[in-house]
Amino acid sequence: ETGRTRLIISGNCPPRQLNLNLPDLASRLDW
């Protein structure tokens, strides 16, 4: 929404393979 912050996230696998309980978070991380 703000469009000002750079966001970097790291994991041990691609976003879709994280098996997150929150489907909306999984889809956001895949963008």
PDB file of all heavy atoms in Angstrom:
ATOM      1  N   GLU A   1       0.826  -1.212   0.000  1.00  0.00           N
ATOM      2  CA  GLU A   1       0.000   0.000   0.000  1.00  0.00           C
ATOM      3  C   GLU A   1       0.861   1.263   0.000  1.00  0.00           C
ATOM      4  O   GLU A   1       0.557   2.223  -0.709  1.00  0.00           O
ATOM      5  CB  GLU A   1      -0.920  -0.003   1.234  1.00  0.00           C
ATOM      6  CG  GLU A   1      -2.044  -1.024   1.156  1.00  0.00           C
ATOM      7  CD  GLU A   1      -2.793  -1.145   2.474  1.00  0.00           C
ATOM      8  OE1 GLU A   1      -2.496  -0.348   3.397  1.00  0.00           O
ATOM      9  OE2 GLU A   1      -3.660  -2.027   2.577  1.00  0.00           O
ATOM     10  N   THR A   2       1.929   1.259   0.786  1.00  0.00           N
ATOM     11  CA  THR A   2       2.761   2.463   0.856  1.00  0.00           C
ATOM     12  C   THR A   2       3.652   2.600  -0.369  1.00  0.00           C
ATOM     13  O   THR A   2       3.918   3.713  -0.834  1.00  0.00           O
ATOM     14  CB  THR A   2       3.637   2.446   2.116  1.00  0.00           C
ATOM     15  OG1 THR A   2       4.511   1.308   2.068  1.00  0.00           O
ATOM     16  CG2 THR A   2       2.781   2.357   3.380  1.00  0.00           C
ATOM     17  N   GLY A   3       4.141   1.462  -0.890  1.00  0.00           N
ATOM     18  CA  GLY A   3       4.970   1.480  -2.094  1.00  0.00           C
ATOM     19  C   GLY A   3       6.355   2.067  -1.918  1.00  0.00           C
ATOM     20  O   GLY A   3       7.011   2.412  -2.892  1.00  0.00           O
ATOM     21  N   ARG A   4       6.823   2.162  -0.660  1.00  0.00           N
ATOM     22  CA  ARG A   4       8.124   2.787  -0.421  1.00  0.00           C
ATOM     23  C   ARG A   4       9.190   1.809   0.083  1.00  0.00           C
ATOM     24  O   ARG A   4      10.377   2.082  -0.063  1.00  0.00           O
ATOM     25  CB  ARG A   4       7.972   3.921   0.615  1.00  0.00           C
ATOM     26  CG  ARG A   4       7.130   5.086   0.151  1.00  0.00           C
ATOM     27  CD  ARG A   4       7.234   6.232   1.142  1.00  0.00           C
ATOM     28  NE  ARG A   4       6.808   5.838   2.479  1.00  0.00           N
ATOM     29  CZ  ARG A   4       5.559   5.937   2.929  1.00  0.00           C
ATOM     30  NH1 ARG A   4       4.619   6.405   2.138  1.00  0.00           N
ATOM     31  NH2 ARG A   4       5.258   5.585   4.169  1.00  0.00           N
ATOM     32  N   THR A   5       8.768   0.720   0.689  1.00  0.00           N
ATOM     33  CA  THR A   5       9.699  -0.170   1.385  1.00  0.00           C
ATOM     34  C   THR A   5      10.147  -1.325   0.501  1.00  0.00           C
ATOM     35  O   THR A   5       9.339  -1.969  -0.166  1.00  0.00           O
ATOM     36  CB  THR A   5       9.033  -0.737   2.658  1.00  0.00           C
ATOM     37  OG1 THR A   5       8.598   0.342   3.476  1.00  0.00           O
ATOM     38  CG2 THR A   5       9.990  -1.615   3.435  1.00  0.00           C
ATOM     39  N   ARG A   6      11.433  -1.575   0.530  1.00  0.00           N
ATOM     40  CA  ARG A   6      11.968  -2.759  -0.134  1.00  0.00           C
ATOM     41  C   ARG A   6      11.828  -3.931   0.838  1.00  0.00           C
ATOM     42  O   ARG A   6      12.219  -3.831   1.994  1.00  0.00           O
ATOM     43  CB  ARG A   6      13.435  -2.556  -0.492  1.00  0.00           C
ATOM     44  CG  ARG A   6      13.718  -1.278  -1.285  1.00  0.00           C
ATOM     45  CD  ARG A   6      15.198  -0.965  -1.215  1.00  0.00           C
ATOM     46  NE  ARG A   6      15.584   0.295  -1.836  1.00  0.00           N
ATOM     47  CZ  ARG A   6      15.574   1.471  -1.222  1.00  0.00           C
ATOM     48  NH1 ARG A   6      15.158   1.564   0.034  1.00  0.00           N
ATOM     49  NH2 ARG A   6      15.967   2.560  -1.846  1.00  0.00           N
ATOM     50  N   LEU A   7      11.316  -5.051   0.353  1.00  0.00           N
ATOM     51  CA  LEU A   7      11.098  -6.236   1.190  1.00  0.00           C
ATOM     52  C   LEU A   7      11.839  -7.424   0.593  1.00  0.00           C
ATOM     53  O   LEU A   7      11.630  -7.777  -0.569  1.00  0.00           O
ATOM     54  CB  LEU A   7       9.600  -6.546   1.284  1.00  0.00           C
ATOM     55  CG  LEU A   7       9.216  -7.839   2.020  1.00  0.00           C
ATOM     56  CD1 LEU A   7       9.636  -7.785   3.485  1.00  0.00           C
ATOM     57  CD2 LEU A   7       7.711  -8.097   1.891  1.00  0.00           C
ATOM     58  N   ILE A   8      12.711  -8.035   1.399  1.00  0.00           N
ATOM     59  CA  ILE A   8      13.441  -9.230   0.984  1.00  0.00           C
ATOM     60  C   ILE A   8      13.127 -10.338   1.976  1.00  0.00           C
ATOM     61  O   ILE A   8      13.238 -10.149   3.195  1.00  0.00           O
ATOM     62  CB  ILE A   8      14.966  -8.986   0.947  1.00  0.00           C
ATOM     63  CG1 ILE A   8      15.311  -7.798   0.058  1.00  0.00           C
ATOM     64  CG2 ILE A   8      15.690 -10.237   0.460  1.00  0.00           C
ATOM     65  CD1 ILE A   8      16.783  -7.416   0.098  1.00  0.00           C
ATOM     66  N   ILE A   9      12.715 -11.484   1.464  1.00  0.00           N
ATOM     67  CA  ILE A   9      12.395 -12.639   2.305  1.00  0.00           C
ATOM     68  C   ILE A   9      13.204 -13.834   1.824  1.00  0.00           C
ATOM     69  O   ILE A   9      13.358 -14.058   0.629  1.00  0.00           O
ATOM     70  CB  ILE A   9      10.888 -12.957   2.269  1.00  0.00           C
ATOM     71  CG1 ILE A   9      10.078 -11.768   2.809  1.00  0.00           C
ATOM     72  CG2 ILE A   9      10.576 -14.220   3.054  1.00  0.00           C
ATOM     73  CD1 ILE A   9       8.576 -11.982   2.785  1.00  0.00           C
ATOM     74  N   SER A  10      13.718 -14.613   2.783  1.00  0.00           N
ATOM     75  CA  SER A  10      14.452 -15.829   2.421  1.00  0.00           C
ATOM     76  C   SER A  10      13.803 -17.037   3.070  1.00  0.00           C
ATOM     77  O   SER A  10      13.182 -16.945   4.138  1.00  0.00           O
ATOM     78  CB  SER A  10      15.919 -15.740   2.874  1.00  0.00           C
ATOM     79  OG  SER A  10      16.047 -16.085   4.245  1.00  0.00           O
ATOM     80  N   GLY A  11      13.953 -18.172   2.413  1.00  0.00           N
ATOM     81  CA  GLY A  11      13.430 -19.426   2.947  1.00  0.00           C
ATOM     82  C   GLY A  11      14.287 -20.595   2.501  1.00  0.00           C
ATOM     83  O   GLY A  11      15.277 -20.415   1.785  1.00  0.00           O
ATOM     84  N   ASN A  12      13.883 -21.791   2.896  1.00  0.00           N
ATOM     85  CA  ASN A  12      14.654 -22.986   2.520  1.00  0.00           C
ATOM     86  C   ASN A  12      14.057 -23.711   1.330  1.00  0.00           C
ATOM     87  O   ASN A  12      14.515 -24.792   0.953  1.00  0.00           O
ATOM     88  CB  ASN A  12      14.774 -23.941   3.711  1.00  0.00           C
ATOM     89  CG  ASN A  12      13.428 -24.527   4.143  1.00  0.00           C
ATOM     90  OD1 ASN A  12      12.370 -24.092   3.675  1.00  0.00           O
ATOM     91  ND2 ASN A  12      13.462 -25.497   5.037  1.00  0.00           N
ATOM     92  N   CYS A  13      13.017 -23.117   0.730  1.00  0.00           N
ATOM     93  CA  CYS A  13      12.377 -23.702  -0.446  1.00  0.00           C
ATOM     94  C   CYS A  13      11.563 -22.606  -1.125  1.00  0.00           C
ATOM     95  O   CYS A  13      11.373 -21.517  -0.563  1.00  0.00           O
ATOM     96  CB  CYS A  13      11.484 -24.884  -0.048  1.00  0.00           C
ATOM     97  SG  CYS A  13      10.120 -24.437   1.059  1.00  0.00           S
ATOM     98  N   PRO A  14      11.056 -22.863  -2.335  1.00  0.00           N
ATOM     99  CA  PRO A  14      10.212 -21.860  -2.996  1.00  0.00           C
ATOM    100  C   PRO A  14       8.956 -21.578  -2.169  1.00  0.00           C
ATOM    101  O   PRO A  14       8.511 -22.427  -1.385  1.00  0.00           O
ATOM    102  CB  PRO A  14       9.858 -22.529  -4.339  1.00  0.00           C
ATOM    103  CG  PRO A  14      10.937 -23.533  -4.561  1.00  0.00           C
ATOM    104  CD  PRO A  14      11.315 -24.030  -3.206  1.00  0.00           C
ATOM    105  N   PRO A  15       8.363 -20.393  -2.343  1.00  0.00           N
ATOM    106  CA  PRO A  15       7.202 -20.012  -1.528  1.00  0.00           C
ATOM    107  C   PRO A  15       6.074 -21.038  -1.528  1.00  0.00           C
ATOM    108  O   PRO A  15       5.484 -21.327  -0.485  1.00  0.00           O
ATOM    109  CB  PRO A  15       6.753 -18.692  -2.153  1.00  0.00           C
ATOM    110  CG  PRO A  15       7.981 -18.125  -2.764  1.00  0.00           C
ATOM    111  CD  PRO A  15       8.761 -19.308  -3.255  1.00  0.00           C
ATOM    112  N   ARG A  16       5.767 -21.598  -2.691  1.00  0.00           N
ATOM    113  CA  ARG A  16       4.642 -22.523  -2.799  1.00  0.00           C
ATOM    114  C   ARG A  16       4.894 -23.838  -2.075  1.00  0.00           C
ATOM    115  O   ARG A  16       3.957 -24.610  -1.837  1.00  0.00           O
ATOM    116  CB  ARG A  16       4.336 -22.794  -4.277  1.00  0.00           C
ATOM    117  CG  ARG A  16       3.702 -21.622  -4.998  1.00  0.00           C
ATOM    118  CD  ARG A  16       2.287 -21.372  -4.498  1.00  0.00           C
ATOM    119  NE  ARG A  16       1.616 -20.303  -5.247  1.00  0.00           N
ATOM    120  CZ  ARG A  16       0.376 -19.914  -5.028  1.00  0.00           C
ATOM    121  NH1 ARG A  16      -0.336 -20.496  -4.082  1.00  0.00           N
ATOM    122  NH2 ARG A  16      -0.152 -18.924  -5.720  1.00  0.00           N
ATOM    123  N   GLN A  17       6.133 -24.134  -1.747  1.00  0.00           N
ATOM    124  CA  GLN A  17       6.464 -25.385  -1.060  1.00  0.00           C
ATOM    125  C   GLN A  17       6.600 -25.224   0.453  1.00  0.00           C
ATOM    126  O   GLN A  17       6.946 -26.172   1.157  1.00  0.00           O
ATOM    127  CB  GLN A  17       7.756 -25.970  -1.633  1.00  0.00           C
ATOM    128  CG  GLN A  17       7.645 -26.377  -3.093  1.00  0.00           C
ATOM    129  CD  GLN A  17       8.953 -26.899  -3.664  1.00  0.00           C
ATOM    130  OE1 GLN A  17       9.844 -27.328  -2.937  1.00  0.00           O
ATOM    131  NE2 GLN A  17       9.070 -26.849  -4.981  1.00  0.00           N
ATOM    132  N   LEU A  18       6.330 -24.036   0.969  1.00  0.00           N
ATOM    133  CA  LEU A  18       6.488 -23.783   2.401  1.00  0.00           C
ATOM    134  C   LEU A  18       5.403 -24.451   3.251  1.00  0.00           C
ATOM    135  O   LEU A  18       5.580 -24.630   4.456  1.00  0.00           O
ATOM    136  CB  LEU A  18       6.473 -22.279   2.672  1.00  0.00           C
ATOM    137  CG  LEU A  18       7.730 -21.500   2.301  1.00  0.00           C
ATOM    138  CD1 LEU A  18       7.473 -19.999   2.384  1.00  0.00           C
ATOM    139  CD2 LEU A  18       8.894 -21.880   3.205  1.00  0.00           C
ATOM    140  N   ASN A  19       4.256 -24.780   2.638  1.00  0.00           N
ATOM    141  CA  ASN A  19       3.126 -25.374   3.369  1.00  0.00           C
ATOM    142  C   ASN A  19       2.612 -24.457   4.482  1.00  0.00           C
ATOM    143  O   ASN A  19       2.317 -24.897   5.600  1.00  0.00           O
ATOM    144  CB  ASN A  19       3.506 -26.742   3.959  1.00  0.00           C
ATOM    145  CG  ASN A  19       3.812 -27.767   2.882  1.00  0.00           C
ATOM    146  OD1 ASN A  19       3.103 -27.849   1.881  1.00  0.00           O
ATOM    147  ND2 ASN A  19       4.869 -28.530   3.078  1.00  0.00           N
ATOM    148  N   LEU A  20       2.524 -23.174   4.152  1.00  0.00           N
ATOM    149  CA  LEU A  20       1.971 -22.206   5.099  1.00  0.00           C
ATOM    150  C   LEU A  20       0.494 -22.485   5.339  1.00  0.00           C
ATOM    151  O   LEU A  20      -0.229 -22.940   4.439  1.00  0.00           O
ATOM    152  CB  LEU A  20       2.151 -20.791   4.551  1.00  0.00           C
ATOM    153  CG  LEU A  20       3.596 -20.296   4.464  1.00  0.00           C
ATOM    154  CD1 LEU A  20       3.701 -19.137   3.487  1.00  0.00           C
ATOM    155  CD2 LEU A  20       4.099 -19.869   5.854  1.00  0.00           C
ATOM    156  N   ASN A  21       0.035 -22.209   6.544  1.00  0.00           N
ATOM    157  CA  ASN A  21      -1.383 -22.410   6.862  1.00  0.00           C
ATOM    158  C   ASN A  21      -2.265 -21.326   6.260  1.00  0.00           C
ATOM    159  O   ASN A  21      -3.449 -21.533   6.050  1.00  0.00           O
ATOM    160  CB  ASN A  21      -1.589 -22.439   8.380  1.00  0.00           C
ATOM    161  CG  ASN A  21      -1.129 -23.744   8.998  1.00  0.00           C
ATOM    162  OD1 ASN A  21      -0.719 -24.660   8.285  1.00  0.00           O
ATOM    163  ND2 ASN A  21      -1.197 -23.823  10.324  1.00  0.00           N
ATOM    164  N   LEU A  22      -1.667 -20.165   6.013  1.00  0.00           N
ATOM    165  CA  LEU A  22      -2.426 -19.022   5.493  1.00  0.00           C
ATOM    166  C   LEU A  22      -2.264 -18.974   3.973  1.00  0.00           C
ATOM    167  O   LEU A  22      -1.227 -18.523   3.473  1.00  0.00           O
ATOM    168  CB  LEU A  22      -1.909 -17.731   6.134  1.00  0.00           C
ATOM    169  CG  LEU A  22      -2.710 -16.446   5.926  1.00  0.00           C
ATOM    170  CD1 LEU A  22      -4.117 -16.593   6.476  1.00  0.00           C
ATOM    171  CD2 LEU A  22      -1.998 -15.271   6.587  1.00  0.00           C
ATOM    172  N   PRO A  23      -3.258 -19.431   3.225  1.00  0.00           N
ATOM    173  CA  PRO A  23      -3.138 -19.482   1.763  1.00  0.00           C
ATOM    174  C   PRO A  23      -2.840 -18.125   1.136  1.00  0.00           C
ATOM    175  O   PRO A  23      -2.082 -18.032   0.166  1.00  0.00           O
ATOM    176  CB  PRO A  23      -4.503 -20.016   1.297  1.00  0.00           C
ATOM    177  CG  PRO A  23      -5.069 -20.710   2.495  1.00  0.00           C
ATOM    178  CD  PRO A  23      -4.564 -19.946   3.683  1.00  0.00           C
ATOM    179  N   ASP A  24      -3.422 -17.062   1.681  1.00  0.00           N
ATOM    180  CA  ASP A  24      -3.203 -15.731   1.115  1.00  0.00           C
ATOM    181  C   ASP A  24      -1.750 -15.298   1.255  1.00  0.00           C
ATOM    182  O   ASP A  24      -1.212 -14.602   0.381  1.00  0.00           O
ATOM    183  CB  ASP A  24      -4.115 -14.708   1.789  1.00  0.00           C
ATOM    184  CG  ASP A  24      -5.563 -14.845   1.339  1.00  0.00           C
ATOM    185  OD1 ASP A  24      -5.792 -15.517   0.306  1.00  0.00           O
ATOM    186  OD2 ASP A  24      -6.448 -14.299   2.007  1.00  0.00           O
ATOM    187  N   LEU A  25      -1.076 -15.701   2.341  1.00  0.00           N
ATOM    188  CA  LEU A  25       0.341 -15.376   2.500  1.00  0.00           C
ATOM    189  C   LEU A  25       1.165 -16.146   1.483  1.00  0.00           C
ATOM    190  O   LEU A  25       2.071 -15.584   0.859  1.00  0.00           O
ATOM    191  CB  LEU A  25       0.818 -15.706   3.913  1.00  0.00           C
ATOM    192  CG  LEU A  25       2.316 -15.508   4.169  1.00  0.00           C
ATOM    193  CD1 LEU A  25       2.747 -14.074   3.883  1.00  0.00           C
ATOM    194  CD2 LEU A  25       2.677 -15.899   5.604  1.00  0.00           C
ATOM    195  N   ALA A  26       0.828 -17.410   1.275  1.00  0.00           N
ATOM    196  CA  ALA A  26       1.549 -18.220   0.291  1.00  0.00           C
ATOM    197  C   ALA A  26       1.454 -17.596  -1.096  1.00  0.00           C
ATOM    198  O   ALA A  26       2.449 -17.535  -1.829  1.00  0.00           O
ATOM    199  CB  ALA A  26       0.994 -19.639   0.276  1.00  0.00           C
ATOM    200  N   SER A  27       0.273 -17.119  -1.456  1.00  0.00           N
ATOM    201  CA  SER A  27       0.108 -16.512  -2.786  1.00  0.00           C
ATOM    202  C   SER A  27       0.837 -15.183  -2.876  1.00  0.00           C
ATOM    203  O   SER A  27       1.440 -14.870  -3.916  1.00  0.00           O
ATOM    204  CB  SER A  27      -1.376 -16.323  -3.101  1.00  0.00           C
ATOM    205  OG  SER A  27      -1.969 -15.384  -2.216  1.00  0.00           O
ATOM    206  N   ARG A  28       0.848 -14.390  -1.797  1.00  0.00           N
ATOM    207  CA  ARG A  28       1.576 -13.121  -1.810  1.00  0.00           C
ATOM    208  C   ARG A  28       3.073 -13.356  -2.017  1.00  0.00           C
ATOM    209  O   ARG A  28       3.725 -12.651  -2.789  1.00  0.00           O
ATOM    210  CB  ARG A  28       1.369 -12.356  -0.494  1.00  0.00           C
ATOM    211  CG  ARG A  28      -0.028 -11.886  -0.207  1.00  0.00           C
ATOM    212  CD  ARG A  28      -0.495 -10.796  -1.142  1.00  0.00           C
ATOM    213  NE  ARG A  28      -1.706 -10.163  -0.660  1.00  0.00           N
ATOM    214  CZ  ARG A  28      -2.933 -10.656  -0.783  1.00  0.00           C
ATOM    215  NH1 ARG A  28      -3.104 -11.820  -1.393  1.00  0.00           N
ATOM    216  NH2 ARG A  28      -3.975 -10.001  -0.309  1.00  0.00           N
ATOM    217  N   LEU A  29       3.618 -14.333  -1.302  1.00  0.00           N
ATOM    218  CA  LEU A  29       5.054 -14.584  -1.384  1.00  0.00           C
ATOM    219  C   LEU A  29       5.461 -15.087  -2.764  1.00  0.00           C
ATOM    220  O   LEU A  29       6.637 -15.021  -3.130  1.00  0.00           O
ATOM    221  CB  LEU A  29       5.482 -15.609  -0.322  1.00  0.00           C
ATOM    222  CG  LEU A  29       5.300 -15.188   1.140  1.00  0.00           C
ATOM    223  CD1 LEU A  29       5.828 -16.271   2.071  1.00  0.00           C
ATOM    224  CD2 LEU A  29       5.993 -13.860   1.421  1.00  0.00           C
ATOM    225  N   ASP A  30       4.500 -15.595  -3.513  1.00  0.00           N
ATOM    226  CA  ASP A  30       4.796 -16.131  -4.844  1.00  0.00           C
ATOM    227  C   ASP A  30       4.774 -15.051  -5.916  1.00  0.00           C
ATOM    228  O   ASP A  30       5.076 -15.317  -7.071  1.00  0.00           O
ATOM    229  CB  ASP A  30       3.786 -17.234  -5.188  1.00  0.00           C
ATOM    230  CG  ASP A  30       4.344 -18.239  -6.181  1.00  0.00           C
ATOM    231  OD1 ASP A  30       5.552 -18.547  -6.106  1.00  0.00           O
ATOM    232  OD2 ASP A  30       3.581 -18.711  -7.038  1.00  0.00           O
ATOM    233  N   TRP A  31       4.404 -13.825  -5.536  1.00  0.00           N
ATOM    234  CA  TRP A  31       4.418 -12.712  -6.480  1.00  0.00           C
ATOM    235  C   TRP A  31       5.806 -12.092  -6.496  1.00  0.00           C
ATOM    236  O   TRP A  31       6.505 -12.058  -5.492  1.00  0.00           O
ATOM    237  CB  TRP A  31       3.403 -11.634  -6.080  1.00  0.00           C
ATOM    238  CG  TRP A  31       1.981 -12.083  -6.107  1.00  0.00           C
ATOM    239  CD1 TRP A  31       1.481 -13.231  -6.637  1.00  0.00           C
ATOM    240  CD2 TRP A  31       0.852 -11.370  -5.545  1.00  0.00           C
ATOM    241  NE1 TRP A  31       0.131 -13.298  -6.455  1.00  0.00           N
ATOM    242  CE2 TRP A  31      -0.293 -12.184  -5.800  1.00  0.00           C
ATOM    243  CE3 TRP A  31       0.700 -10.168  -4.888  1.00  0.00           C
ATOM    244  CZ2 TRP A  31      -1.580 -11.802  -5.395  1.00  0.00           C
ATOM    245  CZ3 TRP A  31      -0.575  -9.774  -4.479  1.00  0.00           C
ATOM    246  CH2 TRP A  31      -1.693 -10.579  -4.734  1.00  0.00           C
TER     247      TRP A  31
END
